[in-house]
C-alpha atoms as a PDB file:
ATOM      1  CA  UNK A   1       5.440  17.974 -35.166  1.00  0.00           C
ATOM      2  CA  UNK A   2       4.401  14.448 -37.187  1.00  0.00           C
ATOM      3  CA  UNK A   3       1.352  14.675 -39.582  1.00  0.00           C
ATOM      4  CA  UNK A   4      -0.818  13.023 -37.368  1.00  0.00           C
ATOM      5  CA  UNK A   5      -0.512  15.462 -34.634  1.00  0.00           C
ATOM      6  CA  UNK A   6      -0.885  18.460 -37.577  1.00  0.00           C
ATOM      7  CA  UNK A   7      -4.510  16.686 -37.850  1.00  0.00           C
ATOM      8  CA  UNK A   8      -4.998  16.135 -34.565  1.00  0.00           C
ATOM      9  CA  UNK A   9      -6.245  19.290 -32.728  1.00  0.00           C
ATOM     10  CA  UNK A  10      -5.449  19.356 -28.913  1.00  0.00           C
ATOM     11  CA  UNK A  11      -7.919  21.685 -26.813  1.00  0.00           C
ATOM     12  CA  UNK A  12      -6.320  25.049 -25.848  1.00  0.00           C
ATOM     13  CA  UNK A  13      -5.429  25.376 -22.182  1.00  0.00           C
ATOM     14  CA  UNK A  14      -6.609  28.499 -20.674  1.00  0.00           C
ATOM     15  CA  UNK A  15      -3.769  31.186 -20.011  1.00  0.00           C
ATOM     16  CA  UNK A  16      -5.371  31.268 -16.861  1.00  0.00           C
ATOM     17  CA  UNK A  17      -3.861  27.981 -15.472  1.00  0.00           C
ATOM     18  CA  UNK A  18      -0.148  28.260 -14.679  1.00  0.00           C
ATOM     19  CA  UNK A  19       1.038  25.685 -13.292  1.00  0.00           C
ATOM     20  CA  UNK A  20       2.486  22.882 -15.037  1.00  0.00           C
ATOM     21  CA  UNK A  21       0.729  20.697 -13.134  1.00  0.00           C
ATOM     22  CA  UNK A  22      -2.246  22.022 -13.881  1.00  0.00           C
ATOM     23  CA  UNK A  23      -1.407  21.939 -17.496  1.00  0.00           C
ATOM     24  CA  UNK A  24      -1.209  18.833 -17.707  1.00  0.00           C
ATOM     25  CA  UNK A  25      -4.753  17.727 -15.903  1.00  0.00           C
ATOM     26  CA  UNK A  26      -6.708  20.110 -17.965  1.00  0.00           C
ATOM     27  CA  UNK A  27      -5.135  19.135 -21.537  1.00  0.00           C
ATOM     28  CA  UNK A  28      -5.662  14.989 -19.847  1.00  0.00           C
ATOM     29  CA  UNK A  29      -9.792  15.701 -19.383  1.00  0.00           C
ATOM     30  CA  UNK A  30      -9.912  17.474 -22.256  1.00  0.00           C
ATOM     31  CA  UNK A  31      -7.283  16.144 -24.602  1.00  0.00           C
ATOM     32  CA  UNK A  32     -10.155  14.426 -27.221  1.00  0.00           C
ATOM     33  CA  UNK A  33     -12.663  16.974 -26.863  1.00  0.00           C
ATOM     34  CA  UNK A  34     -12.047  17.911 -30.682  1.00  0.00           C
ATOM     35  CA  UNK A  35     -12.273  13.744 -32.138  1.00  0.00           C
ATOM     36  CA  UNK A  36     -15.505  13.171 -32.976  1.00  0.00           C
ATOM     37  CA  UNK A  37     -14.504   9.391 -31.954  1.00  0.00           C
ATOM     38  CA  UNK A  38     -17.073   8.020 -34.741  1.00  0.00           C
ATOM     39  CA  UNK A  39     -13.079   6.858 -36.380  1.00  0.00           C
ATOM     40  CA  UNK A  40     -10.307   5.118 -35.391  1.00  0.00           C
ATOM     41  CA  UNK A  41      -7.743   7.734 -36.777  1.00  0.00           C
ATOM     42  CA  UNK A  42      -6.478   7.824 -33.945  1.00  0.00           C
ATOM     43  CA  UNK A  43      -5.047   4.469 -33.673  1.00  0.00           C
ATOM     44  CA  UNK A  44      -3.295   4.314 -36.436  1.00  0.00           C
ATOM     45  CA  UNK A  45      -1.613   7.249 -35.260  1.00  0.00           C
ATOM     46  CA  UNK A  46       0.520   5.403 -31.908  1.00  0.00           C
ATOM     47  CA  UNK A  47       2.468   9.288 -31.105  1.00  0.00           C
ATOM     48  CA  UNK A  48      -1.383  10.911 -30.100  1.00  0.00           C
ATOM     49  CA  UNK A  49      -2.281   8.337 -28.201  1.00  0.00           C
ATOM     50  CA  UNK A  50       1.163   8.288 -26.503  1.00  0.00           C
ATOM     51  CA  UNK A  51       0.787  11.524 -26.020  1.00  0.00           C
ATOM     52  CA  UNK A  52      -2.439  10.979 -24.108  1.00  0.00           C
ATOM     53  CA  UNK A  53      -0.862   7.941 -22.063  1.00  0.00           C
ATOM     54  CA  UNK A  54       1.871   9.925 -21.029  1.00  0.00           C
ATOM     55  CA  UNK A  55       0.135  12.690 -19.428  1.00  0.00           C
ATOM     56  CA  UNK A  56      -2.180  10.369 -17.405  1.00  0.00           C
ATOM     57  CA  UNK A  57       1.047   8.978 -16.596  1.00  0.00           C
ATOM     58  CA  UNK A  58       1.936  12.986 -14.909  1.00  0.00           C
ATOM     59  CA  UNK A  59      -0.769  13.317 -13.277  1.00  0.00           C
ATOM     60  CA  UNK A  60      -2.560  11.947 -10.109  1.00  0.00           C
ATOM     61  CA  UNK A  61      -4.782   9.543 -10.165  1.00  0.00           C
ATOM     62  CA  UNK A  62      -7.625  11.697  -8.660  1.00  0.00           C
ATOM     63  CA  UNK A  63      -7.256  13.311 -11.560  1.00  0.00           C
ATOM     64  CA  UNK A  64      -6.478  10.737 -14.256  1.00  0.00           C
ATOM     65  CA  UNK A  65      -9.991   8.959 -12.812  1.00  0.00           C
ATOM     66  CA  UNK A  66     -11.872  11.993 -14.345  1.00  0.00           C
ATOM     67  CA  UNK A  67      -9.767  12.498 -17.736  1.00  0.00           C
ATOM     68  CA  UNK A  68     -10.244   8.001 -17.733  1.00  0.00           C
ATOM     69  CA  UNK A  69     -13.646   8.358 -17.575  1.00  0.00           C
ATOM     70  CA  UNK A  70     -14.432  11.350 -19.556  1.00  0.00           C
ATOM     71  CA  UNK A  71     -12.589   9.703 -22.392  1.00  0.00           C
ATOM     72  CA  UNK A  72     -14.750   6.494 -21.928  1.00  0.00           C
ATOM     73  CA  UNK A  73     -17.908   8.057 -21.424  1.00  0.00           C
ATOM     74  CA  UNK A  74     -17.028  10.127 -24.887  1.00  0.00           C
ATOM     75  CA  UNK A  75     -15.996   6.578 -26.659  1.00  0.00           C
ATOM     76  CA  UNK A  76     -18.365   4.579 -25.456  1.00  0.00           C
ATOM     77  CA  UNK A  77     -20.964   6.175 -28.326  1.00  0.00           C
ATOM     78  CA  UNK A  78     -18.892   4.073 -30.866  1.00  0.00           C
ATOM     79  CA  UNK A  79     -18.444  -0.036 -29.894  1.00  0.00           C
ATOM     80  CA  UNK A  80     -15.151  -0.408 -32.159  1.00  0.00           C
ATOM     81  CA  UNK A  81     -13.541   2.969 -30.696  1.00  0.00           C
ATOM     82  CA  UNK A  82     -14.510   1.881 -26.638  1.00  0.00           C
ATOM     83  CA  UNK A  83     -12.404  -1.145 -27.670  1.00  0.00           C
ATOM     84  CA  UNK A  84      -9.898  -0.020 -29.017  1.00  0.00           C
ATOM     85  CA  UNK A  85      -9.454   2.271 -26.010  1.00  0.00           C
ATOM     86  CA  UNK A  86      -9.902  -0.362 -23.860  1.00  0.00           C
ATOM     87  CA  UNK A  87      -6.970  -2.227 -25.637  1.00  0.00           C
ATOM     88  CA  UNK A  88      -4.791   1.239 -25.445  1.00  0.00           C
ATOM     89  CA  UNK A  89      -5.704   1.302 -21.889  1.00  0.00           C
ATOM     90  CA  UNK A  90      -5.031  -2.739 -21.428  1.00  0.00           C
ATOM     91  CA  UNK A  91      -1.624  -2.341 -23.015  1.00  0.00           C
ATOM     92  CA  UNK A  92      -0.167   0.490 -21.289  1.00  0.00           C
ATOM     93  CA  UNK A  93      -1.561   1.083 -18.000  1.00  0.00           C
ATOM     94  CA  UNK A  94      -1.791  -2.782 -17.084  1.00  0.00           C
ATOM     95  CA  UNK A  95       0.770  -4.369 -19.137  1.00  0.00           C
ATOM     96  CA  UNK A  96       3.605  -5.182 -16.737  1.00  0.00           C
ATOM     97  CA  UNK A  97       6.266  -4.771 -19.794  1.00  0.00           C
ATOM     98  CA  UNK A  98       5.172  -1.069 -20.115  1.00  0.00           C
ATOM     99  CA  UNK A  99       6.820   1.790 -18.728  1.00  0.00           C
ATOM    100  CA  UNK A 100       3.342   3.768 -18.038  1.00  0.00           C
ATOM    101  CA  UNK A 101       2.435   0.490 -16.122  1.00  0.00           C
ATOM    102  CA  UNK A 102      -0.487   1.773 -12.918  1.00  0.00           C
ATOM    103  CA  UNK A 103      -2.669  -0.349 -12.134  1.00  0.00           C
ATOM    104  CA  UNK A 104      -3.822   2.379  -9.459  1.00  0.00           C
ATOM    105  CA  UNK A 105      -5.214   4.310 -12.991  1.00  0.00           C
ATOM    106  CA  UNK A 106      -6.295   1.356 -14.732  1.00  0.00           C
ATOM    107  CA  UNK A 107      -8.259   0.378 -12.229  1.00  0.00           C
ATOM    108  CA  UNK A 108     -10.597   3.277 -13.051  1.00  0.00           C
ATOM    109  CA  UNK A 109     -11.414   1.310 -16.754  1.00  0.00           C
ATOM    110  CA  UNK A 110     -11.707  -1.989 -15.143  1.00  0.00           C
ATOM    111  CA  UNK A 111     -14.422  -0.056 -12.510  1.00  0.00           C
ATOM    112  CA  UNK A 112     -15.851   1.193 -15.343  1.00  0.00           C
ATOM    113  CA  UNK A 113     -16.759  -1.669 -17.515  1.00  0.00           C
ATOM    114  CA  UNK A 114     -17.715  -3.652 -14.371  1.00  0.00           C
ATOM    115  CA  UNK A 115     -20.600  -1.085 -13.558  1.00  0.00           C
ATOM    116  CA  UNK A 116     -21.174  -0.484 -17.142  1.00  0.00           C
ATOM    117  CA  UNK A 117     -24.864  -1.718 -18.327  1.00  0.00           C
ATOM    118  CA  UNK A 118     -23.537  -1.057 -22.165  1.00  0.00           C
ATOM    119  CA  UNK A 119     -21.192  -4.053 -21.531  1.00  0.00           C
ATOM    120  CA  UNK A 120     -22.319  -7.489 -21.386  1.00  0.00           C
ATOM    121  CA  UNK A 121     -21.231 -10.151 -18.662  1.00  0.00           C
ATOM    122  CA  UNK A 122     -19.245 -12.320 -20.133  1.00  0.00           C
ATOM    123  CA  UNK A 123     -16.792  -9.318 -22.038  1.00  0.00           C
ATOM    124  CA  UNK A 124     -16.417  -8.250 -18.022  1.00  0.00           C
ATOM    125  CA  UNK A 125     -14.593 -11.490 -16.915  1.00  0.00           C
ATOM    126  CA  UNK A 126     -11.137 -10.029 -18.236  1.00  0.00           C
ATOM    127  CA  UNK A 127     -12.000  -7.007 -16.256  1.00  0.00           C
ATOM    128  CA  UNK A 128     -13.338  -8.641 -12.978  1.00  0.00           C
ATOM    129  CA  UNK A 129     -10.236 -11.121 -12.941  1.00  0.00           C
ATOM    130  CA  UNK A 130      -8.033  -7.898 -13.220  1.00  0.00           C
ATOM    131  CA  UNK A 131      -9.557  -5.976 -11.135  1.00  0.00           C
ATOM    132  CA  UNK A 132      -9.065  -9.259  -8.061  1.00  0.00           C
ATOM    133  CA  UNK A 133      -4.608  -8.684  -9.612  1.00  0.00           C
ATOM    134  CA  UNK A 134      -4.863  -5.297  -8.730  1.00  0.00           C
ATOM    135  CA  UNK A 135      -6.893  -5.427  -5.608  1.00  0.00           C
ATOM    136  CA  UNK A 136      -4.257  -8.478  -4.575  1.00  0.00           C
ATOM    137  CA  UNK A 137      -1.800  -6.406  -2.273  1.00  0.00           C
ATOM    138  CA  UNK A 138      -2.848  -2.948  -3.823  1.00  0.00           C
ATOM    139  CA  UNK A 139      -0.086  -0.045  -3.742  1.00  0.00           C
ATOM    140  CA  UNK A 140      -0.563   1.895   0.391  1.00  0.00           C
ATOM    141  CA  UNK A 141      -2.199  -1.514   2.266  1.00  0.00           C
ATOM    142  CA  UNK A 142      -0.581  -4.115   4.026  1.00  0.00           C
ATOM    143  CA  UNK A 143       0.899  -6.558   1.499  1.00  0.00           C
ATOM    144  CA  UNK A 144       0.307 -10.447   2.615  1.00  0.00           C
ATOM    145  CA  UNK A 145       1.901 -12.351   4.993  1.00  0.00           C
ATOM    146  CA  UNK A 146       3.490 -15.900   4.069  1.00  0.00           C
ATOM    147  CA  UNK A 147       5.439 -18.485   5.790  1.00  0.00           C
ATOM    148  CA  UNK A 148       8.984 -19.596   3.411  1.00  0.00           C
ATOM    149  CA  UNK A 149      11.535 -21.904   4.606  1.00  0.00           C
ATOM    150  CA  UNK A 150      15.703 -21.270   4.301  1.00  0.00           C
ATOM    151  CA  UNK A 151      18.257 -23.038   3.512  1.00  0.00           C
ATOM    152  CA  UNK A 152      18.745 -24.978   7.087  1.00  0.00           C
ATOM    153  CA  UNK A 153      14.817 -25.559   6.624  1.00  0.00           C
ATOM    154  CA  UNK A 154      13.628 -22.994   9.688  1.00  0.00           C
ATOM    155  CA  UNK A 155      10.800 -20.994   8.796  1.00  0.00           C
ATOM    156  CA  UNK A 156      10.559 -17.128   8.838  1.00  0.00           C
ATOM    157  CA  UNK A 157       7.858 -15.048   7.328  1.00  0.00           C
ATOM    158  CA  UNK A 158       7.232 -12.549   5.920  1.00  0.00           C
ATOM    159  CA  UNK A 159       5.954 -10.295   8.953  1.00  0.00           C
ATOM    160  CA  UNK A 160       8.797 -10.927  11.139  1.00  0.00           C
ATOM    161  CA  UNK A 161      11.372  -8.272   8.770  1.00  0.00           C
ATOM    162  CA  UNK A 162      10.786  -5.440  10.725  1.00  0.00           C
ATOM    163  CA  UNK A 163      13.406  -2.753   9.171  1.00  0.00           C
ATOM    164  CA  UNK A 164      12.579   0.477   7.135  1.00  0.00           C
ATOM    165  CA  UNK A 165      11.978  -0.836   3.633  1.00  0.00           C
ATOM    166  CA  UNK A 166      12.293  -4.514   2.579  1.00  0.00           C
ATOM    167  CA  UNK A 167      12.348  -5.552  -1.430  1.00  0.00           C
ATOM    168  CA  UNK A 168      10.314  -8.629  -1.798  1.00  0.00           C
ATOM    169  CA  UNK A 169      11.526 -10.534  -4.915  1.00  0.00           C
ATOM    170  CA  UNK A 170       9.872 -13.691  -6.829  1.00  0.00           C
ATOM    171  CA  UNK A 171      12.187 -15.308  -8.876  1.00  0.00           C
ATOM    172  CA  UNK A 172      12.974 -18.526 -10.395  1.00  0.00           C
ATOM    173  CA  UNK A 173      16.818 -19.468 -11.223  1.00  0.00           C
ATOM    174  CA  UNK A 174      15.754 -21.297 -14.872  1.00  0.00           C
ATOM    175  CA  UNK A 175      14.222 -17.214 -15.404  1.00  0.00           C
ATOM    176  CA  UNK A 176      16.819 -15.161 -17.946  1.00  0.00           C
ATOM    177  CA  UNK A 177      14.773 -11.844 -17.073  1.00  0.00           C
ATOM    178  CA  UNK A 178      15.510 -12.758 -13.111  1.00  0.00           C
ATOM    179  CA  UNK A 179      19.576 -13.969 -13.824  1.00  0.00           C
ATOM    180  CA  UNK A 180      20.001 -10.298 -15.001  1.00  0.00           C
ATOM    181  CA  UNK A 181      17.454  -8.747 -12.747  1.00  0.00           C
ATOM    182  CA  UNK A 182      19.872  -9.986 -10.002  1.00  0.00           C
ATOM    183  CA  UNK A 183      22.834  -9.596 -10.626  1.00  0.00           C
ATOM    184  CA  UNK A 184      21.846  -5.671 -11.580  1.00  0.00           C
ATOM    185  CA  UNK A 185      20.731  -5.712  -7.740  1.00  0.00           C
ATOM    186  CA  UNK A 186      23.205  -7.557  -6.822  1.00  0.00           C
ATOM    187  CA  UNK A 187      25.824  -4.645  -7.881  1.00  0.00           C
ATOM    188  CA  UNK A 188      23.652  -1.671  -6.979  1.00  0.00           C
ATOM    189  CA  UNK A 189      25.667   0.403  -5.069  1.00  0.00           C
ATOM    190  CA  UNK A 190      22.279   1.514  -3.472  1.00  0.00           C
ATOM    191  CA  UNK A 191      20.737  -1.283  -2.187  1.00  0.00           C
ATOM    192  CA  UNK A 192      24.691  -2.793  -1.210  1.00  0.00           C
ATOM    193  CA  UNK A 193      24.280   0.176   1.345  1.00  0.00           C
ATOM    194  CA  UNK A 194      21.237   0.277   2.938  1.00  0.00           C
ATOM    195  CA  UNK A 195      21.551  -3.062   3.698  1.00  0.00           C
ATOM    196  CA  UNK A 196      24.624  -2.480   5.112  1.00  0.00           C
ATOM    197  CA  UNK A 197      22.738  -0.287   6.951  1.00  0.00           C
ATOM    198  CA  UNK A 198      20.393  -2.015   7.881  1.00  0.00           C
ATOM    199  CA  UNK A 199      17.437   0.136   6.698  1.00  0.00           C
ATOM    200  CA  UNK A 200      16.359  -2.968   3.576  1.00  0.00           C
ATOM    201  CA  UNK A 201      15.837  -6.180   3.997  1.00  0.00           C
ATOM    202  CA  UNK A 202      15.959  -7.921   0.284  1.00  0.00           C
ATOM    203  CA  UNK A 203      13.949 -11.446   0.348  1.00  0.00           C
ATOM    204  CA  UNK A 204      14.220 -13.520  -2.562  1.00  0.00           C
ATOM    205  CA  UNK A 205      12.033 -15.588  -2.758  1.00  0.00           C
ATOM    206  CA  UNK A 206      11.669 -19.151  -5.056  1.00  0.00           C
ATOM    207  CA  UNK A 207       7.248 -19.608  -5.196  1.00  0.00           C
ATOM    208  CA  UNK A 208       7.840 -23.285  -7.116  1.00  0.00           C
ATOM    209  CA  UNK A 209       8.433 -27.037  -5.960  1.00  0.00           C
ATOM    210  CA  UNK A 210      11.654 -27.826  -7.439  1.00  0.00           C
ATOM    211  CA  UNK A 211      13.763 -27.701  -4.195  1.00  0.00           C
ATOM    212  CA  UNK A 212      16.716 -28.631  -5.678  1.00  0.00           C
ATOM    213  CA  UNK A 213      16.956 -26.376  -8.493  1.00  0.00           C
ATOM    214  CA  UNK A 214      16.658 -23.686  -6.198  1.00  0.00           C
ATOM    215  CA  UNK A 215      19.095 -25.465  -3.857  1.00  0.00           C
ATOM    216  CA  UNK A 216      21.880 -24.729  -6.479  1.00  0.00           C
ATOM    217  CA  UNK A 217      21.545 -20.801  -6.650  1.00  0.00           C
ATOM    218  CA  UNK A 218      23.548 -18.983  -4.789  1.00  0.00           C
ATOM    219  CA  UNK A 219      22.829 -15.494  -3.679  1.00  0.00           C
ATOM    220  CA  UNK A 220      24.863 -12.653  -1.864  1.00  0.00           C
ATOM    221  CA  UNK A 221      24.552 -14.082   1.495  1.00  0.00           C
ATOM    222  CA  UNK A 222      23.115 -10.167   2.946  1.00  0.00           C
ATOM    223  CA  UNK A 223      20.406 -11.491   1.409  1.00  0.00           C
ATOM    224  CA  UNK A 224      17.252 -13.569   2.973  1.00  0.00           C
ATOM    225  CA  UNK A 225      16.722 -16.434   0.348  1.00  0.00           C
ATOM    226  CA  UNK A 226      14.112 -18.570   0.640  1.00  0.00           C
ATOM    227  CA  UNK A 227      11.579 -20.932  -0.811  1.00  0.00           C
ATOM    228  CA  UNK A 228       7.800 -21.141  -0.238  1.00  0.00           C
ATOM    229  CA  UNK A 229       8.188 -25.396   1.006  1.00  0.00           C
ATOM    230  CA  UNK A 230       3.798 -25.347   0.907  1.00  0.00           C
ATOM    231  CA  UNK A 231       3.667 -23.804  -1.958  1.00  0.00           C
ATOM    232  CA  UNK A 232       0.702 -21.593  -1.153  1.00  0.00           C
ATOM    233  CA  UNK A 233       1.413 -18.466  -3.165  1.00  0.00           C
ATOM    234  CA  UNK A 234       0.306 -20.151  -5.872  1.00  0.00           C
ATOM    235  CA  UNK A 235      -2.485 -22.431  -5.120  1.00  0.00           C
ATOM    236  CA  UNK A 236      -3.878 -20.121  -2.789  1.00  0.00           C
ATOM    237  CA  UNK A 237      -2.984 -16.648  -4.799  1.00  0.00           C
ATOM    238  CA  UNK A 238      -1.787 -14.828  -2.359  1.00  0.00           C
ATOM    239  CA  UNK A 239       0.389 -13.426  -4.833  1.00  0.00           C
ATOM    240  CA  UNK A 240      -0.561 -13.183  -8.171  1.00  0.00           C
ATOM    241  CA  UNK A 241       2.891 -13.467 -10.352  1.00  0.00           C
ATOM    242  CA  UNK A 242       2.083 -11.919 -13.390  1.00  0.00           C
ATOM    243  CA  UNK A 243       5.693 -12.363 -14.267  1.00  0.00           C
ATOM    244  CA  UNK A 244       8.782 -13.017 -12.960  1.00  0.00           C
ATOM    245  CA  UNK A 245      11.154 -11.751 -11.623  1.00  0.00           C
ATOM    246  CA  UNK A 246       8.161 -10.137  -9.407  1.00  0.00           C
ATOM    247  CA  UNK A 247       9.374  -6.949  -7.086  1.00  0.00           C
ATOM    248  CA  UNK A 248       7.519  -5.431  -4.534  1.00  0.00           C
ATOM    249  CA  UNK A 249       8.749  -2.721  -2.495  1.00  0.00           C
ATOM    250  CA  UNK A 250       7.039  -2.542   1.165  1.00  0.00           C
ATOM    251  CA  UNK A 251       7.924   0.039   3.962  1.00  0.00           C
ATOM    252  CA  UNK A 252       8.251  -1.274   7.729  1.00  0.00           C
ATOM    253  CA  UNK A 253       4.701  -1.995   8.223  1.00  0.00           C
ATOM    254  CA  UNK A 254       4.927  -3.927   5.124  1.00  0.00           C
ATOM    255  CA  UNK A 255       2.411  -1.874   2.969  1.00  0.00           C
ATOM    256  CA  UNK A 256       3.245  -2.093  -0.386  1.00  0.00           C
ATOM    257  CA  UNK A 257       4.580   1.298  -1.940  1.00  0.00           C
ATOM    258  CA  UNK A 258       5.397  -0.300  -5.391  1.00  0.00           C
ATOM    259  CA  UNK A 259       4.198  -3.556  -7.064  1.00  0.00           C
ATOM    260  CA  UNK A 260       4.942  -5.902  -9.794  1.00  0.00           C
ATOM    261  CA  UNK A 261       8.078  -2.870 -10.963  1.00  0.00           C
ATOM    262  CA  UNK A 262      11.069  -3.580 -12.190  1.00  0.00           C
ATOM    263  CA  UNK A 263      14.375  -3.060 -10.742  1.00  0.00           C
ATOM    264  CA  UNK A 264      15.107   0.127 -11.942  1.00  0.00           C
ATOM    265  CA  UNK A 265      11.943   1.589 -10.828  1.00  0.00           C
ATOM    266  CA  UNK A 266      12.168   0.224  -7.377  1.00  0.00           C
ATOM    267  CA  UNK A 267      15.870   1.554  -6.692  1.00  0.00           C
ATOM    268  CA  UNK A 268      14.525   4.905  -7.983  1.00  0.00           C
ATOM    269  CA  UNK A 269      11.971   5.209  -5.852  1.00  0.00           C
ATOM    270  CA  UNK A 270      13.962   3.803  -3.030  1.00  0.00           C
ATOM    271  CA  UNK A 271      16.271   6.496  -3.972  1.00  0.00           C
ATOM    272  CA  UNK A 272      13.884   9.118  -3.816  1.00  0.00           C
ATOM    273  CA  UNK A 273      12.869   8.369  -0.027  1.00  0.00           C
ATOM    274  CA  UNK A 274      16.263   7.354   1.908  1.00  0.00           C
ATOM    275  CA  UNK A 275      17.551  11.440   0.367  1.00  0.00           C
ATOM    276  CA  UNK A 276      14.065  13.245   1.171  1.00  0.00           C
ATOM    277  CA  UNK A 277      14.281  12.382   4.894  1.00  0.00           C
END
């Protein structure tokens, strides 16, 4: 146990709470009961913060909402501490490169700030924009349809795809991270098996204007590879592409299962889905 953890006292979990899920929820909601919120101690000891974020990551959205609101209420009496907590939530729950990213849980933070009378309107601008990003193609809702063009010039719509699952990938051939992801996806036994079994469609979309660059990119023939010939994805903000590659997992009704995730996350979720049915 680190010095920070020794000094930071966690609440005692009632013995009557036996299930691990219930204990995690209780601990997340009461994590800061013994912290006075009048200093920045915990922000100098990341292991304490990481312990809290880990708990938030393991509980349901509903439980996390209660825990996050409780934290923000306690922190709101000290402006500096509140700002530091907001940066913490932003960095862990909204940052696309965070292993804890969960925009549905981060939405609780956004809505709390937007509705707070203690925060001035200028400081709410960033959170309003983040809310737009979260609500666009939100998890659990039907994603935005769009038209894309294939190599032979024909056009298709996303909603033309009717298979059990769709892995929607936005990429740029000049993107190093995209190159790595495309290689991993192309070699994934699970992805290739689901494509062969006609349970999964993989759609790779180039959302920019350099068609010559796109046309030189060779992807597996079992994938659907297209480009946004009208440029609507970006100009009309059909999708907020915060970073490429940007990967979405959709169900047969084009509802969003996963949004803006790394391929490893999408592959793991696909495995869970196909092996529990």
